[in-house]
Amino acid sequence: MARNLSLALLAQTVVAKRREQGLTQAQLTAATGINRHLMLQSVRSQGYYDIHEYISRHRIAEVERMIRCGRASCVQDCLDAGFASTKTLRSSFLKFTGQSIDDQFRPQS
């Protein structure tokens, strides 16, 4: 029960803070009260390699929502999801989706 509560709190905190550039594990442990070991166990139990992958995947999910909802009309608009640069956004999007983010903004034929 406590573990599920920790996972829920971690997910809530990451969603709330994912737009902050440079979001770190130390900031998350301070914000959630979950120690580093339990946090790593929690994210690994969900299939993530580490907290950085966990945060990046949440940011990518936000980018995908932004594109679907029409809140992003170019790659630059997607930086609001928390990526520090378009280079990082492009490489993360490709890594986690297998697609180029630039293709998301090309007209469909």
Protein backbone atom coordinates (compact mmCIF):
# COMPACT_ATOMS: atom_id res chain seq x y z
CA MET A 1 0.00 0.00 0.00
CA ALA A 2 2.75 2.47 0.95
CA ARG A 3 4.66 1.57 -2.20
CA ASN A 4 1.63 2.29 -4.42
CA LEU A 5 1.17 5.60 -2.61
CA SER A 6 4.85 6.41 -3.25
CA LEU A 7 4.48 5.59 -6.95
CA ALA A 8 1.36 7.74 -7.21
CA LEU A 9 3.07 10.64 -5.43
CA LEU A 10 6.13 10.32 -7.65
CA ALA A 11 4.01 10.31 -10.80
CA GLN A 12 1.99 13.32 -9.61
CA THR A 13 5.15 15.26 -8.79
CA VAL A 14 6.83 14.47 -12.11
CA VAL A 15 3.73 15.49 -14.03
CA ALA A 16 3.49 18.74 -12.06
CA LYS A 17 7.20 19.58 -12.35
CA ARG A 18 8.16 18.05 -15.74
CA ARG A 19 8.23 21.48 -17.37
CA GLU A 20 11.07 22.54 -15.08
CA GLN A 21 14.35 22.27 -16.93
CA GLY A 22 17.03 20.44 -15.02
CA LEU A 23 14.57 18.50 -12.87
CA THR A 24 16.76 16.16 -10.81
CA GLN A 25 16.34 13.11 -8.66
CA ALA A 26 17.39 15.17 -5.63
CA GLN A 27 14.59 17.68 -6.31
CA LEU A 28 12.09 14.85 -6.66
CA THR A 29 13.20 13.17 -3.44
CA ALA A 30 12.85 16.49 -1.61
CA ALA A 31 9.43 17.21 -3.13
CA THR A 32 8.02 13.73 -2.50
CA GLY A 33 9.83 12.61 0.64
CA ILE A 34 10.70 9.34 -1.14
CA ASN A 35 14.30 8.30 -0.57
CA ARG A 36 16.57 7.76 -3.57
CA HIS A 37 16.70 3.98 -3.24
CA LEU A 38 12.91 3.58 -3.09
CA MET A 39 12.49 6.04 -5.96
CA LEU A 40 14.87 4.04 -8.15
CA GLN A 41 13.13 0.79 -7.18
CA SER A 42 9.78 2.36 -8.00
CA VAL A 43 10.74 3.56 -11.47
CA ARG A 44 12.51 0.29 -12.28
CA SER A 45 9.45 -1.70 -11.19
CA GLN A 46 7.53 0.21 -13.86
CA GLY A 47 10.04 -0.75 -16.55
CA TYR A 48 12.14 2.42 -16.64
CA TYR A 49 15.94 2.28 -16.48
CA ASP A 50 16.35 5.30 -14.20
CA ILE A 51 14.68 8.53 -13.07
CA HIS A 52 16.00 10.42 -16.11
CA GLU A 53 14.21 8.05 -18.47
CA TYR A 54 11.07 8.32 -16.31
CA ILE A 55 11.10 12.14 -16.54
CA SER A 56 11.92 12.13 -20.27
CA ARG A 57 9.09 9.76 -21.07
CA HIS A 58 6.65 11.97 -19.17
CA ARG A 59 7.91 14.96 -21.13
CA ILE A 60 7.54 13.08 -24.43
CA ALA A 61 3.98 12.13 -23.47
CA GLU A 62 3.29 15.83 -22.89
CA VAL A 63 4.79 16.71 -26.29
CA GLU A 64 2.54 14.13 -27.95
CA ARG A 65 -0.50 15.62 -26.16
CA MET A 66 0.51 19.12 -27.22
CA ILE A 67 0.73 18.03 -30.85
CA ARG A 68 -2.59 16.14 -30.75
CA CYS A 69 -4.41 19.07 -29.12
CA GLY A 70 -2.96 21.61 -31.54
CA ARG A 71 -1.03 23.45 -28.80
CA ALA A 72 2.20 23.00 -30.75
CA SER A 73 2.62 24.07 -34.36
CA CYS A 74 6.41 23.62 -34.51
CA VAL A 75 9.23 21.93 -32.62
CA GLN A 76 10.06 25.13 -30.72
CA ASP A 77 6.55 25.15 -29.18
CA CYS A 78 7.24 21.72 -27.67
CA LEU A 79 10.00 23.06 -25.43
CA ASP A 80 7.22 23.97 -22.99
CA ALA A 81 7.19 20.29 -22.01
CA GLY A 82 10.49 20.88 -20.18
CA PHE A 83 13.26 20.15 -22.64
CA ALA A 84 16.21 22.54 -22.49
CA SER A 85 16.82 22.57 -26.24
CA THR A 86 15.33 21.43 -29.51
CA LYS A 87 18.35 19.14 -29.95
CA THR A 88 17.53 17.28 -26.72
CA LEU A 89 13.85 17.21 -27.64
CA ARG A 90 14.57 15.80 -31.10
CA SER A 91 16.91 13.08 -29.83
CA SER A 92 14.59 12.08 -26.95
CA PHE A 93 11.53 11.97 -29.20
CA LEU A 94 13.35 9.76 -31.70
CA LYS A 95 14.74 7.52 -28.95
CA PHE A 96 11.41 6.93 -27.19
CA THR A 97 8.97 6.95 -30.13
CA GLY A 98 11.12 5.75 -33.01
CA GLN A 99 9.89 8.72 -35.06
CA SER A 100 11.27 12.12 -35.92
CA ILE A 101 9.43 14.95 -34.19
CA ASP A 102 9.85 17.00 -37.37
CA ASP A 103 7.67 14.46 -39.19
CA GLN A 104 4.84 15.32 -36.78
CA PHE A 105 4.66 18.81 -38.26
CA ARG A 106 4.91 17.89 -41.93
CA PRO A 107 1.66 17.95 -43.91
CA GLN A 108 0.19 14.49 -44.39
CA SER A 109 -0.17 13.49 -48.01
